[in-house]
Amino acid sequence: MLPDGIVAHVNEPAGGTCNDSVILQDSALPGILAQYAHHPDGHALKLYGDSAYASDTHIAKPRDRGQSQAARHVHENQVMGTGRIVVEQAIGYTNQFFKQSKWLPAMGIMDGRTGHFFRLSVLFANYRTCICYFNNVSLQYMPYYDDFPLIRPPTLKEYLNPNLFSLGVDIE
């Protein structure tokens, strides 16, 4: 999920005992981040990930919990953990458009019609975010930072702008 509240990447669910780190590596996300996740000043932008993820240029993971943990690390974990809650809320938000999603892991979500319906559900959720001009991501972080800006989602017209697809980002 992007800071403006738009879901930017969807990977298929993995059932059973598959490790989150393996799921990340099997997705296209690391390559997309390596290509596009850079601040204009050249610094790598980071996503907050699971503690099981390997250290990476573009993935930040929670600090180890322990008695020796600095107060600033405790605060970082608290703030970044809020982002995890927002992502879970986005999944629920998307599921409002796709009620059958509780059966998806057994169906092979990205194969056939089921996967297409789920991707459409993500698009509809993004459309609703644009139309309502509401960004739950920014609202979740504002209590932690006095100067945290409310980052508005794009308008629907901006979101549907065909020039954005000229960046070469593959939505599949």
N, C-alpha and C. Protein backbone atom coordinates (compact mmCIF):
# COMPACT_ATOMS: atom_id res chain seq x y z
N MET A 1 0.85 -1.17 0.00
CA MET A 1 0.00 0.00 0.00
C MET A 1 0.90 1.24 0.00
N LEU A 2 0.56 2.19 -0.84
CA LEU A 2 1.33 3.42 -0.94
C LEU A 2 0.92 4.42 0.14
N PRO A 3 1.77 5.41 0.41
CA PRO A 3 1.41 6.41 1.43
C PRO A 3 0.13 7.18 1.13
N ASP A 4 -0.30 7.18 -0.13
CA ASP A 4 -1.54 7.90 -0.47
C ASP A 4 -2.78 7.03 -0.35
N GLY A 5 -2.63 5.79 0.15
CA GLY A 5 -3.77 4.92 0.37
C GLY A 5 -4.13 4.00 -0.78
N ILE A 6 -3.36 4.02 -1.84
CA ILE A 6 -3.62 3.19 -3.01
C ILE A 6 -2.88 1.86 -2.87
N VAL A 7 -3.58 0.76 -3.15
CA VAL A 7 -2.94 -0.56 -3.17
C VAL A 7 -2.15 -0.65 -4.47
N ALA A 8 -0.85 -0.87 -4.35
CA ALA A 8 0.01 -0.82 -5.52
C ALA A 8 0.49 -2.19 -5.98
N HIS A 9 0.42 -3.19 -5.13
CA HIS A 9 0.95 -4.50 -5.51
C HIS A 9 0.09 -5.59 -4.88
N VAL A 10 -0.27 -6.57 -5.69
CA VAL A 10 -1.04 -7.71 -5.20
C VAL A 10 -0.32 -8.97 -5.65
N ASN A 11 -0.06 -9.85 -4.71
CA ASN A 11 0.53 -11.14 -5.01
C ASN A 11 -0.48 -12.21 -4.61
N GLU A 12 -0.31 -13.39 -5.16
CA GLU A 12 -1.26 -14.45 -4.82
C GLU A 12 -1.06 -14.91 -3.38
N PRO A 13 -2.14 -15.31 -2.72
CA PRO A 13 -1.99 -15.83 -1.37
C PRO A 13 -1.31 -17.19 -1.39
N ALA A 14 -0.60 -17.49 -0.35
CA ALA A 14 0.07 -18.78 -0.24
C ALA A 14 -0.44 -19.46 1.02
N GLY A 15 -0.92 -20.64 0.85
CA GLY A 15 -1.44 -21.37 2.00
C GLY A 15 -0.37 -22.24 2.64
N GLY A 16 -0.75 -22.89 3.70
CA GLY A 16 0.15 -23.83 4.35
C GLY A 16 1.25 -23.16 5.14
N THR A 17 2.44 -23.73 5.05
CA THR A 17 3.55 -23.28 5.89
C THR A 17 4.58 -22.47 5.11
N CYS A 18 4.20 -21.87 4.02
CA CYS A 18 5.14 -21.09 3.22
C CYS A 18 5.60 -19.86 4.00
N ASN A 19 6.91 -19.67 4.07
CA ASN A 19 7.51 -18.56 4.79
C ASN A 19 7.25 -17.24 4.06
N ASP A 20 6.97 -16.18 4.81
CA ASP A 20 6.71 -14.87 4.21
C ASP A 20 7.88 -14.39 3.35
N SER A 21 9.09 -14.70 3.76
CA SER A 21 10.27 -14.29 2.99
C SER A 21 10.28 -14.96 1.62
N VAL A 22 9.88 -16.23 1.55
CA VAL A 22 9.80 -16.95 0.28
C VAL A 22 8.72 -16.33 -0.60
N ILE A 23 7.58 -16.00 0.00
CA ILE A 23 6.50 -15.38 -0.75
C ILE A 23 6.97 -14.06 -1.35
N LEU A 24 7.69 -13.25 -0.57
CA LEU A 24 8.21 -11.98 -1.07
C LEU A 24 9.14 -12.21 -2.25
N GLN A 25 10.06 -13.15 -2.13
CA GLN A 25 11.01 -13.40 -3.21
C GLN A 25 10.33 -13.94 -4.47
N ASP A 26 9.25 -14.71 -4.30
CA ASP A 26 8.52 -15.24 -5.44
C ASP A 26 7.67 -14.18 -6.15
N SER A 27 7.37 -13.11 -5.45
CA SER A 27 6.59 -12.03 -6.07
C SER A 27 7.53 -11.17 -6.92
N ALA A 28 6.97 -10.30 -7.68
CA ALA A 28 7.77 -9.39 -8.49
C ALA A 28 8.20 -8.15 -7.72
N LEU A 29 7.77 -8.03 -6.47
CA LEU A 29 7.98 -6.80 -5.72
C LEU A 29 9.45 -6.40 -5.54
N PRO A 30 10.37 -7.31 -5.19
CA PRO A 30 11.77 -6.86 -5.04
C PRO A 30 12.34 -6.20 -6.30
N GLY A 31 12.03 -6.75 -7.45
CA GLY A 31 12.50 -6.16 -8.70
C GLY A 31 11.88 -4.80 -9.00
N ILE A 32 10.59 -4.68 -8.70
CA ILE A 32 9.90 -3.40 -8.90
C ILE A 32 10.50 -2.34 -7.99
N LEU A 33 10.74 -2.71 -6.73
CA LEU A 33 11.34 -1.76 -5.79
C LEU A 33 12.74 -1.35 -6.23
N ALA A 34 13.54 -2.31 -6.67
CA ALA A 34 14.90 -2.00 -7.11
C ALA A 34 14.89 -1.02 -8.28
N GLN A 35 13.90 -1.14 -9.14
CA GLN A 35 13.83 -0.28 -10.31
C GLN A 35 13.22 1.09 -10.03
N TYR A 36 12.19 1.15 -9.18
CA TYR A 36 11.43 2.38 -9.05
C TYR A 36 11.46 3.06 -7.68
N ALA A 37 11.85 2.37 -6.62
CA ALA A 37 11.72 2.92 -5.27
C ALA A 37 12.94 3.73 -4.85
N HIS A 38 13.06 4.90 -5.46
CA HIS A 38 14.18 5.80 -5.15
C HIS A 38 13.66 7.22 -5.00
N HIS A 39 14.12 7.89 -3.97
CA HIS A 39 13.80 9.30 -3.75
C HIS A 39 14.53 10.10 -4.82
N PRO A 40 14.01 11.26 -5.22
CA PRO A 40 14.72 12.07 -6.22
C PRO A 40 16.18 12.38 -5.85
N ASP A 41 16.49 12.40 -4.54
CA ASP A 41 17.88 12.66 -4.16
C ASP A 41 18.75 11.41 -4.24
N GLY A 42 18.17 10.27 -4.66
CA GLY A 42 18.94 9.06 -4.85
C GLY A 42 18.83 8.03 -3.75
N HIS A 43 18.35 8.42 -2.58
CA HIS A 43 18.21 7.47 -1.48
C HIS A 43 17.12 6.44 -1.79
N ALA A 44 17.35 5.22 -1.33
CA ALA A 44 16.37 4.15 -1.52
C ALA A 44 15.16 4.38 -0.61
N LEU A 45 13.98 4.23 -1.18
CA LEU A 45 12.75 4.26 -0.39
C LEU A 45 12.52 2.86 0.16
N LYS A 46 11.96 2.77 1.34
CA LYS A 46 11.78 1.48 2.00
C LYS A 46 10.31 1.19 2.27
N LEU A 47 9.98 -0.08 2.21
CA LEU A 47 8.68 -0.57 2.65
C LEU A 47 8.87 -1.24 3.99
N TYR A 48 7.87 -1.17 4.83
CA TYR A 48 7.93 -1.86 6.11
C TYR A 48 7.46 -3.28 5.89
N GLY A 49 8.29 -4.24 6.27
CA GLY A 49 7.96 -5.63 6.03
C GLY A 49 7.89 -6.45 7.28
N ASP A 50 7.72 -7.71 7.08
CA ASP A 50 7.63 -8.68 8.16
C ASP A 50 9.01 -8.92 8.77
N SER A 51 9.04 -9.29 10.03
CA SER A 51 10.33 -9.54 10.69
C SER A 51 11.03 -10.76 10.10
N ALA A 52 10.31 -11.62 9.37
CA ALA A 52 10.92 -12.79 8.74
C ALA A 52 11.69 -12.43 7.47
N TYR A 53 11.47 -11.24 6.92
CA TYR A 53 12.15 -10.87 5.69
C TYR A 53 13.63 -10.67 5.93
N ALA A 54 14.42 -11.01 4.93
CA ALA A 54 15.85 -10.76 5.00
C ALA A 54 16.09 -9.26 4.86
N SER A 55 17.20 -8.79 5.41
CA SER A 55 17.54 -7.37 5.27
C SER A 55 17.72 -7.05 3.80
N ASP A 56 17.22 -5.90 3.41
CA ASP A 56 17.23 -5.52 2.00
C ASP A 56 17.29 -4.01 1.90
N THR A 57 17.79 -3.52 0.79
CA THR A 57 17.88 -2.08 0.57
C THR A 57 16.51 -1.41 0.66
N HIS A 58 15.48 -2.09 0.21
CA HIS A 58 14.15 -1.49 0.11
C HIS A 58 13.14 -2.03 1.12
N ILE A 59 13.55 -2.90 2.02
CA ILE A 59 12.64 -3.47 3.01
C ILE A 59 13.14 -3.15 4.41
N ALA A 60 12.32 -2.48 5.18
CA ALA A 60 12.62 -2.23 6.59
C ALA A 60 11.82 -3.25 7.40
N LYS A 61 12.43 -3.81 8.41
CA LYS A 61 11.71 -4.77 9.24
C LYS A 61 11.76 -4.33 10.69
N PRO A 62 10.86 -4.86 11.52
CA PRO A 62 10.83 -4.43 12.92
C PRO A 62 12.16 -4.70 13.62
N ARG A 63 12.49 -3.83 14.54
CA ARG A 63 13.68 -4.03 15.37
C ARG A 63 13.40 -5.18 16.32
N ASP A 64 14.45 -5.93 16.66
CA ASP A 64 14.30 -7.01 17.63
C ASP A 64 13.80 -6.46 18.95
N ARG A 65 12.87 -7.17 19.52
CA ARG A 65 12.34 -6.75 20.82
C ARG A 65 13.24 -7.33 21.91
N GLY A 66 13.53 -6.53 22.87
CA GLY A 66 14.37 -7.00 23.97
C GLY A 66 14.54 -5.91 25.00
N GLN A 67 15.12 -6.28 26.11
CA GLN A 67 15.29 -5.31 27.19
C GLN A 67 16.25 -4.20 26.83
N SER A 68 17.21 -4.50 25.96
CA SER A 68 18.22 -3.49 25.63
C SER A 68 17.79 -2.58 24.48
N GLN A 69 16.57 -2.72 24.03
CA GLN A 69 16.10 -1.94 22.90
C GLN A 69 15.99 -0.46 23.27
N ALA A 70 16.57 0.38 22.44
CA ALA A 70 16.53 1.82 22.67
C ALA A 70 15.10 2.33 22.54
N ALA A 71 14.80 3.41 23.26
CA ALA A 71 13.46 3.99 23.22
C ALA A 71 13.06 4.38 21.81
N ARG A 72 14.00 4.85 21.03
CA ARG A 72 13.69 5.26 19.65
C ARG A 72 13.29 4.04 18.82
N HIS A 73 13.90 2.87 19.07
CA HIS A 73 13.53 1.66 18.34
C HIS A 73 12.15 1.17 18.74
N VAL A 74 11.81 1.31 20.01
CA VAL A 74 10.47 0.96 20.47
C VAL A 74 9.45 1.83 19.75
N HIS A 75 9.74 3.13 19.65
CA HIS A 75 8.85 4.07 18.96
C HIS A 75 8.75 3.72 17.47
N GLU A 76 9.89 3.40 16.83
CA GLU A 76 9.87 3.02 15.42
C GLU A 76 8.96 1.81 15.20
N ASN A 77 9.12 0.80 16.03
CA ASN A 77 8.28 -0.40 15.89
C ASN A 77 6.80 -0.07 16.07
N GLN A 78 6.50 0.80 17.03
CA GLN A 78 5.11 1.17 17.28
C GLN A 78 4.52 1.90 16.07
N VAL A 79 5.26 2.84 15.54
CA VAL A 79 4.78 3.62 14.40
C VAL A 79 4.66 2.74 13.16
N MET A 80 5.68 1.96 12.89
CA MET A 80 5.65 1.13 11.69
C MET A 80 4.62 0.00 11.82
N GLY A 81 4.40 -0.48 13.04
CA GLY A 81 3.37 -1.49 13.25
C GLY A 81 1.99 -0.98 12.89
N THR A 82 1.80 0.31 13.02
CA THR A 82 0.54 0.93 12.61
C THR A 82 0.31 0.70 11.12
N GLY A 83 1.38 0.73 10.34
CA GLY A 83 1.28 0.47 8.90
C GLY A 83 0.78 -0.92 8.60
N ARG A 84 1.19 -1.87 9.41
CA ARG A 84 0.71 -3.24 9.21
C ARG A 84 -0.80 -3.30 9.43
N ILE A 85 -1.29 -2.59 10.41
CA ILE A 85 -2.73 -2.55 10.67
C ILE A 85 -3.45 -1.96 9.47
N VAL A 86 -2.89 -0.91 8.89
CA VAL A 86 -3.51 -0.27 7.72
C VAL A 86 -3.59 -1.24 6.55
N VAL A 87 -2.54 -2.02 6.34
CA VAL A 87 -2.55 -3.00 5.25
C VAL A 87 -3.63 -4.05 5.50
N GLU A 88 -3.75 -4.51 6.73
CA GLU A 88 -4.82 -5.48 7.06
C GLU A 88 -6.19 -4.86 6.80
N GLN A 89 -6.35 -3.58 7.12
CA GLN A 89 -7.61 -2.90 6.85
C GLN A 89 -7.87 -2.82 5.35
N ALA A 90 -6.82 -2.62 4.57
CA ALA A 90 -6.97 -2.55 3.11
C ALA A 90 -7.44 -3.88 2.55
N ILE A 91 -6.94 -4.97 3.13
CA ILE A 91 -7.39 -6.29 2.68
C ILE A 91 -8.89 -6.45 2.97
N GLY A 92 -9.32 -6.04 4.15
CA GLY A 92 -10.74 -6.09 4.48
C GLY A 92 -11.57 -5.20 3.58
N TYR A 93 -11.03 -4.03 3.26
CA TYR A 93 -11.69 -3.06 2.39
C TYR A 93 -11.89 -3.68 1.00
N THR A 94 -10.85 -4.34 0.50
CA THR A 94 -10.92 -4.99 -0.80
C THR A 94 -11.91 -6.15 -0.76
N ASN A 95 -11.92 -6.88 0.34
CA ASN A 95 -12.83 -8.02 0.45
C ASN A 95 -14.29 -7.61 0.42
N GLN A 96 -14.58 -6.36 0.74
CA GLN A 96 -15.96 -5.88 0.62
C GLN A 96 -16.43 -5.98 -0.82
N PHE A 97 -15.49 -5.86 -1.76
CA PHE A 97 -15.83 -5.96 -3.17
C PHE A 97 -15.77 -7.40 -3.67
N PHE A 98 -15.20 -8.26 -2.89
CA PHE A 98 -15.02 -9.64 -3.34
C PHE A 98 -15.30 -10.58 -2.18
N LYS A 99 -16.54 -10.79 -1.89
CA LYS A 99 -16.96 -11.55 -0.70
C LYS A 99 -16.48 -13.00 -0.73
N GLN A 100 -16.26 -13.56 -1.89
CA GLN A 100 -15.83 -14.95 -1.98
C GLN A 100 -14.37 -15.14 -1.61
N SER A 101 -13.67 -14.09 -1.27
CA SER A 101 -12.22 -14.17 -1.05
C SER A 101 -11.82 -15.14 0.04
N LYS A 102 -12.71 -15.49 0.94
CA LYS A 102 -12.34 -16.43 2.00
C LYS A 102 -12.02 -17.81 1.43
N TRP A 103 -12.42 -18.10 0.20
CA TRP A 103 -12.10 -19.37 -0.42
C TRP A 103 -10.92 -19.27 -1.39
N LEU A 104 -10.37 -18.10 -1.57
CA LEU A 104 -9.36 -17.91 -2.60
C LEU A 104 -8.08 -18.73 -2.44
N PRO A 105 -7.50 -18.88 -1.26
CA PRO A 105 -6.24 -19.63 -1.19
C PRO A 105 -6.35 -21.03 -1.78
N ALA A 106 -7.47 -21.69 -1.63
CA ALA A 106 -7.63 -23.03 -2.17
C ALA A 106 -7.91 -23.02 -3.67
N MET A 107 -8.25 -21.86 -4.22
CA MET A 107 -8.64 -21.78 -5.62
C MET A 107 -7.51 -21.37 -6.55
N GLY A 108 -6.36 -20.96 -6.05
CA GLY A 108 -5.31 -20.44 -6.91
C GLY A 108 -5.72 -19.09 -7.43
N ILE A 109 -5.63 -18.08 -6.59
CA ILE A 109 -6.22 -16.77 -6.85
C ILE A 109 -5.83 -16.15 -8.18
N MET A 110 -4.60 -16.28 -8.60
CA MET A 110 -4.18 -15.57 -9.80
C MET A 110 -4.35 -16.40 -11.07
N ASP A 111 -4.93 -17.58 -10.95
CA ASP A 111 -5.19 -18.41 -12.11
C ASP A 111 -6.65 -18.28 -12.51
N GLY A 112 -6.89 -18.06 -13.77
CA GLY A 112 -8.25 -18.04 -14.28
C GLY A 112 -9.08 -16.86 -13.81
N ARG A 113 -10.39 -17.08 -13.85
CA ARG A 113 -11.34 -16.01 -13.56
C ARG A 113 -11.27 -15.52 -12.13
N THR A 114 -10.99 -16.40 -11.18
CA THR A 114 -10.95 -15.99 -9.78
C THR A 114 -9.92 -14.90 -9.56
N GLY A 115 -8.74 -15.10 -10.12
CA GLY A 115 -7.68 -14.10 -9.99
C GLY A 115 -8.05 -12.77 -10.63
N HIS A 116 -8.70 -12.84 -11.78
CA HIS A 116 -9.13 -11.61 -12.44
C HIS A 116 -10.16 -10.86 -11.59
N PHE A 117 -11.09 -11.60 -11.00
CA PHE A 117 -12.09 -10.96 -10.14
C PHE A 117 -11.43 -10.31 -8.92
N PHE A 118 -10.43 -10.97 -8.35
CA PHE A 118 -9.77 -10.39 -7.19
C PHE A 118 -9.01 -9.12 -7.58
N ARG A 119 -8.31 -9.16 -8.71
CA ARG A 119 -7.60 -7.96 -9.18
C ARG A 119 -8.58 -6.81 -9.42
N LEU A 120 -9.73 -7.13 -10.00
CA LEU A 120 -10.75 -6.10 -10.19
C LEU A 120 -11.23 -5.54 -8.86
N SER A 121 -11.32 -6.39 -7.85
CA SER A 121 -11.72 -5.93 -6.52
C SER A 121 -10.72 -4.92 -5.98
N VAL A 122 -9.44 -5.18 -6.21
CA VAL A 122 -8.40 -4.23 -5.78
C VAL A 122 -8.57 -2.91 -6.53
N LEU A 123 -8.83 -2.99 -7.83
CA LEU A 123 -9.05 -1.76 -8.60
C LEU A 123 -10.26 -0.99 -8.08
N PHE A 124 -11.36 -1.71 -7.80
CA PHE A 124 -12.55 -1.04 -7.28
C PHE A 124 -12.28 -0.39 -5.93
N ALA A 125 -11.51 -1.07 -5.08
CA ALA A 125 -11.15 -0.48 -3.79
C ALA A 125 -10.32 0.79 -4.00
N ASN A 126 -9.40 0.75 -4.97
CA ASN A 126 -8.62 1.95 -5.27
C ASN A 126 -9.50 3.06 -5.84
N TYR A 127 -10.44 2.69 -6.70
CA TYR A 127 -11.37 3.70 -7.23
C TYR A 127 -12.12 4.38 -6.09
N ARG A 128 -12.61 3.56 -5.15
CA ARG A 128 -13.36 4.12 -4.03
C ARG A 128 -12.48 5.05 -3.19
N THR A 129 -11.23 4.67 -2.99
CA THR A 129 -10.30 5.54 -2.26
C THR A 129 -10.16 6.88 -2.98
N CYS A 130 -10.03 6.84 -4.31
CA CYS A 130 -9.90 8.08 -5.08
C CYS A 130 -11.19 8.91 -5.03
N ILE A 131 -12.32 8.26 -5.22
CA ILE A 131 -13.59 8.98 -5.25
C ILE A 131 -13.91 9.60 -3.90
N CYS A 132 -13.68 8.86 -2.83
CA CYS A 132 -13.97 9.37 -1.48
C CYS A 132 -12.88 10.32 -1.00
N TYR A 133 -11.75 10.32 -1.70
CA TYR A 133 -10.62 11.20 -1.37
C TYR A 133 -10.24 11.04 0.10
N PHE A 134 -10.17 9.78 0.53
CA PHE A 134 -9.90 9.45 1.92
C PHE A 134 -8.68 8.55 1.98
N ASN A 135 -7.74 8.89 2.85
CA ASN A 135 -6.51 8.12 2.96
C ASN A 135 -6.31 7.65 4.40
N ASN A 136 -6.62 6.41 4.63
CA ASN A 136 -6.48 5.84 5.97
C ASN A 136 -5.03 5.71 6.39
N VAL A 137 -4.11 5.57 5.45
CA VAL A 137 -2.69 5.42 5.78
C VAL A 137 -2.18 6.65 6.50
N SER A 138 -2.37 7.82 5.91
CA SER A 138 -1.90 9.06 6.54
C SER A 138 -2.58 9.30 7.88
N LEU A 139 -3.88 9.02 7.94
CA LEU A 139 -4.60 9.25 9.19
C LEU A 139 -4.08 8.38 10.32
N GLN A 140 -3.60 7.18 10.01
CA GLN A 140 -3.07 6.30 11.04
C GLN A 140 -1.75 6.82 11.62
N TYR A 141 -0.94 7.48 10.79
CA TYR A 141 0.37 7.95 11.24
C TYR A 141 0.34 9.32 11.89
N MET A 142 -0.68 10.12 11.62
CA MET A 142 -0.72 11.50 12.12
C MET A 142 -0.58 11.61 13.64
N PRO A 143 -1.16 10.70 14.45
CA PRO A 143 -1.01 10.86 15.91
C PRO A 143 0.43 10.75 16.39
N TYR A 144 1.30 10.12 15.60
CA TYR A 144 2.68 9.90 16.03
C TYR A 144 3.60 11.07 15.68
N TYR A 145 3.21 11.86 14.72
CA TYR A 145 4.05 12.96 14.26
C TYR A 145 3.21 14.22 14.14
N ASP A 146 3.59 15.25 14.86
CA ASP A 146 2.83 16.51 14.81
C ASP A 146 2.84 17.13 13.42
N ASP A 147 3.94 16.93 12.69
CA ASP A 147 4.07 17.57 11.38
C ASP A 147 3.84 16.60 10.22
N PHE A 148 3.26 15.42 10.50
CA PHE A 148 3.04 14.45 9.44
C PHE A 148 1.94 14.96 8.51
N PRO A 149 2.24 15.07 7.22
CA PRO A 149 1.23 15.61 6.30
C PRO A 149 0.14 14.58 5.99
N LEU A 150 -1.04 15.07 5.77
CA LEU A 150 -2.12 14.21 5.30
C LEU A 150 -1.93 14.08 3.79
N ILE A 151 -1.51 12.92 3.37
CA ILE A 151 -1.25 12.68 1.95
C ILE A 151 -2.54 12.21 1.31
N ARG A 152 -3.08 13.00 0.45
CA ARG A 152 -4.35 12.68 -0.20
C ARG A 152 -4.13 11.69 -1.34
N PRO A 153 -5.09 10.81 -1.56
CA PRO A 153 -4.99 9.92 -2.72
C PRO A 153 -5.20 10.74 -3.99
N PRO A 154 -4.84 10.16 -5.13
CA PRO A 154 -5.08 10.88 -6.37
C PRO A 154 -6.58 10.99 -6.63
N THR A 155 -6.95 11.94 -7.46
CA THR A 155 -8.33 11.97 -7.92
C THR A 155 -8.51 10.77 -8.86
N LEU A 156 -9.74 10.41 -9.15
CA LEU A 156 -9.98 9.29 -10.05
C LEU A 156 -9.39 9.59 -11.43
N LYS A 157 -9.51 10.83 -11.87
CA LYS A 157 -8.94 11.20 -13.17
C LYS A 157 -7.43 11.03 -13.17
N GLU A 158 -6.77 11.43 -12.09
CA GLU A 158 -5.31 11.25 -12.01
C GLU A 158 -4.96 9.76 -11.97
N TYR A 159 -5.73 8.98 -11.22
CA TYR A 159 -5.46 7.55 -11.09
C TYR A 159 -5.60 6.83 -12.43
N LEU A 160 -6.57 7.24 -13.22
CA LEU A 160 -6.83 6.59 -14.51
C LEU A 160 -6.03 7.20 -15.66
N ASN A 161 -5.14 8.13 -15.37
CA ASN A 161 -4.34 8.80 -16.39
C ASN A 161 -3.49 7.78 -17.15
N PRO A 162 -3.72 7.63 -18.46
CA PRO A 162 -2.96 6.63 -19.22
C PRO A 162 -1.46 6.93 -19.28
N ASN A 163 -1.06 8.17 -19.07
CA ASN A 163 0.36 8.50 -19.09
C ASN A 163 1.12 7.83 -17.95
N LEU A 164 0.44 7.49 -16.86
CA LEU A 164 1.10 6.82 -15.75
C LEU A 164 1.58 5.43 -16.16
N PHE A 165 0.87 4.79 -17.09
CA PHE A 165 1.27 3.46 -17.52
C PHE A 165 2.49 3.49 -18.42
N SER A 166 2.87 4.66 -18.92
CA SER A 166 4.07 4.76 -19.74
C SER A 166 5.33 4.60 -18.92
N LEU A 167 5.20 4.53 -17.58
CA LEU A 167 6.36 4.31 -16.73
C LEU A 167 6.88 2.89 -16.85
N GLY A 168 6.10 2.02 -17.46
CA GLY A 168 6.52 0.64 -17.64
C GLY A 168 6.18 -0.27 -16.48
N VAL A 169 5.34 0.19 -15.57
CA VAL A 169 4.96 -0.65 -14.44
C VAL A 169 3.93 -1.66 -14.92
N ASP A 170 4.23 -2.93 -14.71
CA ASP A 170 3.33 -4.00 -15.12
C ASP A 170 2.36 -4.29 -13.99
N ILE A 171 1.07 -4.19 -14.24
CA ILE A 171 0.09 -4.40 -13.17
C ILE A 171 -0.25 -5.87 -13.00
N GLU A 172 0.35 -6.76 -13.79
CA GLU A 172 0.05 -8.19 -13.61
C GLU A 172 1.02 -8.81 -12.69
